[in-house]
Amino acid sequence: MRPIPADWPMRAASRVIRCRPHEWHVQVLGEGPDLLLLHGAGASAHSFHRLVPHMPGYRLIIPDLPGQGFTRAGGMLRLGLDAMADDLATLCADQGWQPQAIIGHSAGAAIALRMSEVMPATLRGVVGINAALGPFDGFAGWLFPKLAKAMSASPFVAAIVTRLTSKRRQVESLLSGTGSNLDAEAVTLYQRLVSDPRHVEGTLGMMAQWQLEPLIERFPQIGLPVLLIASDQDRAVPPRISRAAAARMGRAEYVEVAGYGHLLHEEAPELVAARILPFLQRMRGGLSVVAAPA
């Protein structure tokens, strides 16, 4: 594992945990019922650092996904949806964590739903923020996974991709392409991530192994309460994806937020928390003793 910089967001809450097959970087903050927060592809736990202050009354457990951020993947064949869900469930059991809800952004929401199928009964609900719960459309659906698989097969590709994408202008373009408008500090954090070939390699490996269709087919069997929050300006995962997914789940709610893009939880964390906290409190009479903000 590479060193975690002293100025990295929430650095004081960082832990390094060796739980096979990975060496995990996890940030744990707060007190109360456990919530597990899962970032999307290409990000890290840092993407929740602006949401954390708006989520009082919980212990927030925020790992970097295998191969991304500061988590060292123990095997490049463990980066797919099912494998990551299994390994995260193993990590929770190893540490004695009992998440009563899982909050996932983008691809993290798909992992959260998959974990709901393999976690103990203590799990009470799932929240997806601009959840990546649909396949790529048309030709892109065929090309992108194959392209990622071919790229991840070469030990030199991650370094090449890093050189092509880590310039600030390119990072700004990639982020604005999601429909989000992030400030300079947020752009710098993503630039630091994509400047690391190991992070890029882990992201490519995740894309190459991503198989979402079996989970989509099982949406009607998901019995837990689910809240799907979408942004109307999201150009990475259009809100129709979450709307359609919610319609196929028996206990799902759909909420749309106007004026923001894919990285909604970084742009407007207070709006996200204002929608999540009441949902958590409604689950079986509520999880937190802290009232939601008015």
Protein backbone atom coordinates (compact mmCIF):
# COMPACT_ATOMS: atom_id res chain seq x y z
CA MET A 1 0.00 0.00 0.00
CA ARG A 2 1.30 3.42 -0.89
CA PRO A 3 1.50 5.97 1.95
CA ILE A 4 -1.64 7.96 2.70
CA PRO A 5 -0.76 11.66 2.44
CA ALA A 6 -1.06 13.66 5.65
CA ASP A 7 -3.32 16.18 3.89
CA TRP A 8 -5.71 13.60 2.43
CA PRO A 9 -9.35 14.24 3.42
CA MET A 10 -10.31 12.58 6.73
CA ARG A 11 -6.74 11.30 7.11
CA ALA A 12 -7.03 11.09 10.91
CA ALA A 13 -9.81 8.51 10.48
CA SER A 14 -7.77 6.24 8.19
CA ARG A 15 -7.06 2.62 9.05
CA VAL A 16 -5.08 0.00 7.18
CA ILE A 17 -6.71 -3.42 7.56
CA ARG A 18 -5.31 -6.66 6.18
CA CYS A 19 -8.24 -8.91 5.38
CA ARG A 20 -7.70 -11.42 2.63
CA PRO A 21 -7.36 -11.02 -0.20
CA HIS A 22 -6.84 -7.24 0.04
CA GLU A 23 -5.02 -4.67 2.14
CA TRP A 24 -7.78 -2.21 2.80
CA HIS A 25 -7.73 1.52 3.41
CA VAL A 26 -10.84 2.34 5.44
CA GLN A 27 -11.93 5.55 7.14
CA VAL A 28 -14.17 5.23 10.19
CA LEU A 29 -15.86 8.26 11.73
CA GLY A 30 -18.60 9.01 14.24
CA GLU A 31 -20.62 6.95 16.70
CA GLY A 32 -23.91 5.14 16.43
CA PRO A 33 -25.39 2.46 14.17
CA ASP A 34 -23.03 1.38 11.41
CA LEU A 35 -23.44 2.75 7.90
CA LEU A 36 -21.22 1.50 5.07
CA LEU A 37 -20.47 4.04 2.33
CA LEU A 38 -19.18 2.83 -1.06
CA HIS A 39 -17.70 5.14 -3.70
CA GLY A 40 -18.01 4.74 -7.47
CA ALA A 41 -15.50 3.61 -10.06
CA GLY A 42 -12.44 5.84 -10.29
CA ALA A 43 -13.06 7.61 -6.99
CA SER A 44 -12.12 6.80 -3.39
CA ALA A 45 -13.49 7.22 0.12
CA HIS A 46 -12.58 10.90 -0.13
CA SER A 47 -15.65 11.51 -2.31
CA PHE A 48 -17.82 11.34 0.84
CA HIS A 49 -15.81 13.77 2.94
CA ARG A 50 -18.26 16.63 2.37
CA LEU A 51 -21.25 14.42 3.17
CA VAL A 52 -19.82 13.13 6.47
CA PRO A 53 -20.53 16.28 8.57
CA HIS A 54 -24.18 16.10 7.52
CA MET A 55 -24.64 12.51 8.77
CA PRO A 56 -24.61 12.75 12.60
CA GLY A 57 -25.64 9.90 14.85
CA TYR A 58 -23.95 7.10 12.89
CA ARG A 59 -20.62 5.35 12.67
CA LEU A 60 -19.62 5.86 9.05
CA ILE A 61 -17.41 3.15 7.55
CA ILE A 62 -15.90 4.25 4.25
CA PRO A 63 -13.46 1.92 2.43
CA ASP A 64 -11.53 2.47 -0.76
CA LEU A 65 -12.63 -0.25 -3.18
CA PRO A 66 -10.02 -2.89 -4.08
CA GLY A 67 -7.32 -1.50 -6.35
CA GLN A 68 -8.57 2.07 -6.03
CA GLY A 69 -7.52 4.90 -3.78
CA PHE A 70 -5.18 3.44 -1.17
CA THR A 71 -6.56 -0.11 -1.02
CA ARG A 72 -4.08 -2.61 -2.45
CA ALA A 73 -5.83 -5.33 -4.38
CA GLY A 74 -4.73 -8.81 -3.39
CA GLY A 75 -5.68 -10.17 -6.78
CA MET A 76 -6.67 -8.53 -10.04
CA LEU A 77 -9.35 -11.20 -10.54
CA ARG A 78 -11.26 -9.94 -7.48
CA LEU A 79 -12.39 -6.61 -8.95
CA GLY A 80 -15.78 -7.59 -10.37
CA LEU A 81 -19.17 -6.85 -8.82
CA ASP A 82 -19.75 -10.19 -7.09
CA ALA A 83 -16.16 -10.54 -5.88
CA MET A 84 -16.04 -7.06 -4.38
CA ALA A 85 -19.40 -7.56 -2.66
CA ASP A 86 -18.19 -10.84 -1.16
CA ASP A 87 -14.85 -9.36 -0.06
CA LEU A 88 -16.53 -6.33 1.52
CA ALA A 89 -18.93 -8.62 3.39
CA THR A 90 -15.93 -10.62 4.61
CA LEU A 91 -14.22 -7.41 5.74
CA CYS A 92 -17.30 -6.35 7.71
CA ALA A 93 -17.54 -9.75 9.40
CA ASP A 94 -13.81 -9.74 10.19
CA GLN A 95 -14.03 -6.33 11.85
CA GLY A 96 -17.31 -6.96 13.63
CA TRP A 97 -19.05 -4.21 11.70
CA GLN A 98 -22.81 -4.60 11.30
CA PRO A 99 -23.97 -2.11 8.67
CA GLN A 100 -27.65 -1.44 9.08
CA ALA A 101 -27.66 0.41 5.77
CA ILE A 102 -25.30 0.75 2.82
CA ILE A 103 -24.99 3.99 0.87
CA GLY A 104 -23.43 3.66 -2.56
CA HIS A 105 -22.60 6.21 -5.23
CA SER A 106 -22.75 5.16 -8.89
CA ALA A 107 -21.18 1.68 -9.20
CA GLY A 108 -21.00 1.61 -5.40
CA ALA A 109 -24.79 1.40 -5.36
CA ALA A 110 -24.69 -1.77 -7.46
CA ILE A 111 -22.20 -3.27 -5.00
CA ALA A 112 -24.49 -2.24 -2.13
CA LEU A 113 -27.46 -4.02 -3.70
CA ARG A 114 -25.38 -7.12 -4.33
CA MET A 115 -24.20 -7.02 -0.71
CA SER A 116 -27.84 -6.92 0.39
CA GLU A 117 -28.13 -10.42 -1.05
CA VAL A 118 -25.18 -11.82 0.90
CA MET A 119 -25.12 -9.83 4.17
CA PRO A 120 -26.70 -10.93 7.46
CA ALA A 121 -30.20 -9.88 8.44
CA THR A 122 -28.87 -6.82 10.30
CA LEU A 123 -28.86 -4.93 7.00
CA ARG A 124 -32.07 -2.90 6.81
CA GLY A 125 -31.78 -0.81 3.65
CA VAL A 126 -29.77 0.49 0.71
CA VAL A 127 -29.34 4.01 -0.64
CA GLY A 128 -28.09 4.67 -4.17
CA ILE A 129 -26.85 8.09 -5.27
CA ASN A 130 -26.94 8.36 -9.07
CA ALA A 131 -26.80 4.59 -9.05
CA ALA A 132 -25.15 2.88 -12.02
CA LEU A 133 -27.85 0.21 -12.33
CA GLY A 134 -28.17 -0.11 -16.08
CA PRO A 135 -25.98 -1.39 -18.91
CA PHE A 136 -24.28 0.88 -21.40
CA ASP A 137 -26.50 1.58 -24.37
CA GLY A 138 -26.03 0.20 -27.86
CA PHE A 139 -22.55 -0.15 -29.32
CA ALA A 140 -20.98 1.27 -26.15
CA GLY A 141 -22.38 -1.68 -24.21
CA TRP A 142 -20.37 -4.01 -26.38
CA LEU A 143 -17.24 -1.90 -26.78
CA PHE A 144 -16.50 -0.43 -23.34
CA PRO A 145 -16.13 -3.66 -21.32
CA LYS A 146 -14.01 -5.23 -24.04
CA LEU A 147 -11.85 -2.13 -24.30
CA ALA A 148 -11.31 -2.03 -20.53
CA LYS A 149 -10.46 -5.73 -20.48
CA ALA A 150 -7.90 -5.32 -23.26
CA MET A 151 -6.37 -2.26 -21.59
CA SER A 152 -6.14 -3.88 -18.16
CA ALA A 153 -4.32 -6.88 -19.62
CA SER A 154 -1.20 -4.82 -20.31
CA PRO A 155 1.06 -3.72 -17.45
CA PHE A 156 1.95 -0.57 -19.42
CA VAL A 157 -1.56 0.68 -20.16
CA ALA A 158 -2.25 2.17 -16.73
CA ALA A 159 0.87 4.32 -16.96
CA ILE A 160 -0.11 5.47 -20.44
CA VAL A 161 -3.67 6.29 -19.39
CA THR A 162 -2.32 8.15 -16.37
CA ARG A 163 -0.13 10.35 -18.57
CA LEU A 164 -3.05 11.08 -20.89
CA THR A 165 -5.64 11.89 -18.24
CA SER A 166 -3.78 13.35 -15.24
CA LYS A 167 -3.23 16.84 -16.66
CA ARG A 168 -5.47 19.28 -14.87
CA ARG A 169 -7.31 20.33 -18.00
CA GLN A 170 -8.13 16.70 -18.81
CA VAL A 171 -9.30 16.03 -15.24
CA GLU A 172 -11.53 19.11 -15.33
CA SER A 173 -12.96 17.94 -18.65
CA LEU A 174 -13.64 14.43 -17.35
CA LEU A 175 -15.42 15.75 -14.26
CA SER A 176 -17.47 18.37 -16.10
CA GLY A 177 -18.46 15.64 -18.55
CA THR A 178 -20.45 14.02 -15.74
CA GLY A 179 -22.60 17.12 -15.46
CA SER A 180 -21.04 18.19 -12.16
CA ASN A 181 -19.36 21.48 -11.36
CA LEU A 182 -16.69 20.85 -8.71
CA ASP A 183 -14.50 23.45 -7.06
CA ALA A 184 -10.71 23.62 -7.43
CA GLU A 185 -10.03 21.58 -4.28
CA ALA A 186 -12.20 18.70 -5.48
CA VAL A 187 -10.59 18.73 -8.92
CA THR A 188 -7.14 18.55 -7.31
CA LEU A 189 -8.10 15.47 -5.30
CA TYR A 190 -9.25 13.61 -8.42
CA GLN A 191 -6.12 14.73 -10.24
CA ARG A 192 -4.01 13.19 -7.50
CA LEU A 193 -5.93 9.93 -7.81
CA VAL A 194 -5.64 9.57 -11.58
CA SER A 195 -1.95 10.44 -11.39
CA ASP A 196 -1.38 7.05 -9.73
CA PRO A 197 -1.10 4.18 -12.28
CA ARG A 198 -2.15 1.67 -9.62
CA HIS A 199 -5.44 3.49 -9.09
CA VAL A 200 -6.01 3.62 -12.85
CA GLU A 201 -5.14 -0.06 -13.16
CA GLY A 202 -7.65 -0.95 -10.43
CA THR A 203 -10.36 1.13 -12.09
CA LEU A 204 -9.74 -0.50 -15.47
CA GLY A 205 -9.79 -3.92 -13.84
CA MET A 206 -13.15 -3.14 -12.26
CA MET A 207 -14.59 -2.02 -15.60
CA ALA A 208 -13.25 -5.09 -17.36
CA GLN A 209 -14.88 -7.48 -14.90
CA TRP A 210 -18.16 -5.62 -14.41
CA GLN A 211 -21.17 -7.89 -14.98
CA LEU A 212 -24.35 -6.12 -13.97
CA GLU A 213 -27.01 -8.03 -15.89
CA PRO A 214 -27.55 -10.89 -13.38
CA LEU A 215 -28.19 -8.35 -10.60
CA ILE A 216 -30.59 -6.40 -12.81
CA GLU A 217 -32.57 -9.58 -13.44
CA ARG A 218 -32.92 -10.07 -9.68
CA PHE A 219 -34.25 -6.56 -8.93
CA PRO A 220 -37.81 -7.86 -8.31
CA GLN A 221 -36.44 -10.21 -5.62
CA ILE A 222 -34.76 -7.43 -3.61
CA GLY A 223 -36.93 -7.16 -0.51
CA LEU A 224 -35.14 -4.47 1.50
CA PRO A 225 -36.19 -0.82 1.44
CA VAL A 226 -34.19 1.01 -1.22
CA LEU A 227 -33.85 4.76 -1.81
CA LEU A 228 -32.55 5.84 -5.21
CA ILE A 229 -31.54 9.50 -5.48
CA ALA A 230 -30.86 10.85 -8.99
CA SER A 231 -29.73 14.18 -10.42
CA ASP A 232 -31.50 15.64 -13.42
CA GLN A 233 -28.22 16.98 -14.87
CA ASP A 234 -26.30 13.69 -14.55
CA ARG A 235 -24.62 12.99 -17.90
CA ALA A 236 -22.85 9.83 -16.70
CA VAL A 237 -25.88 7.89 -15.41
CA PRO A 238 -29.12 9.51 -16.61
CA PRO A 239 -31.90 9.66 -14.01
CA ARG A 240 -34.06 7.32 -16.10
CA ILE A 241 -31.71 4.50 -14.97
CA SER A 242 -32.60 4.93 -11.31
CA ARG A 243 -36.25 5.57 -12.13
CA ALA A 244 -36.50 2.32 -14.09
CA ALA A 245 -34.62 0.35 -11.42
CA ALA A 246 -36.88 1.64 -8.65
CA ALA A 247 -39.95 0.61 -10.63
CA ARG A 248 -38.73 -3.00 -10.69
CA MET A 249 -38.06 -3.27 -6.94
CA GLY A 250 -40.85 -3.95 -4.54
CA ARG A 251 -39.84 -1.47 -1.80
CA ALA A 252 -37.89 1.20 -3.67
CA GLU A 253 -38.35 4.96 -3.53
CA TYR A 254 -37.14 7.31 -6.26
CA VAL A 255 -36.16 10.92 -5.59
CA GLU A 256 -34.86 13.37 -8.20
CA VAL A 257 -32.78 16.44 -7.38
CA ALA A 258 -32.66 19.34 -9.83
CA GLY A 259 -29.60 21.31 -10.89
CA TYR A 260 -26.74 18.91 -10.18
CA GLY A 261 -24.70 16.26 -11.96
CA HIS A 262 -23.31 12.81 -11.28
CA LEU A 263 -21.23 13.85 -8.25
CA LEU A 264 -24.26 15.16 -6.39
CA HIS A 265 -22.96 14.13 -2.97
CA GLU A 266 -19.90 16.33 -3.50
CA GLU A 267 -21.76 19.27 -5.02
CA ALA A 268 -24.68 19.40 -2.57
CA PRO A 269 -24.01 17.09 0.41
CA GLU A 270 -26.58 18.82 2.58
CA LEU A 271 -29.35 18.07 0.04
CA VAL A 272 -28.29 14.42 -0.13
CA ALA A 273 -28.25 14.06 3.66
CA ALA A 274 -31.67 15.71 3.91
CA ARG A 275 -33.06 12.89 1.76
CA ILE A 276 -31.09 10.04 3.30
CA LEU A 277 -31.65 10.73 7.01
CA PRO A 278 -35.48 10.53 6.97
CA PHE A 279 -35.25 7.30 4.95
CA LEU A 280 -32.93 5.77 7.53
CA GLN A 281 -35.20 6.82 10.36
CA ARG A 282 -38.22 5.25 8.68
CA MET A 283 -36.56 1.87 8.39
CA ARG A 284 -38.10 -0.26 11.14
CA GLY A 285 -38.71 2.71 13.38
CA GLY A 286 -35.42 4.47 12.77
CA LEU A 287 -31.75 3.79 13.33
CA SER A 288 -30.54 7.07 14.77
CA VAL A 289 -31.42 9.09 17.83
CA VAL A 290 -30.34 12.26 16.02
CA ALA A 291 -33.20 14.07 14.31
CA ALA A 292 -32.96 14.94 10.64
CA PRO A 293 -32.33 18.60 9.88
CA ALA A 294 -35.46 20.62 9.24
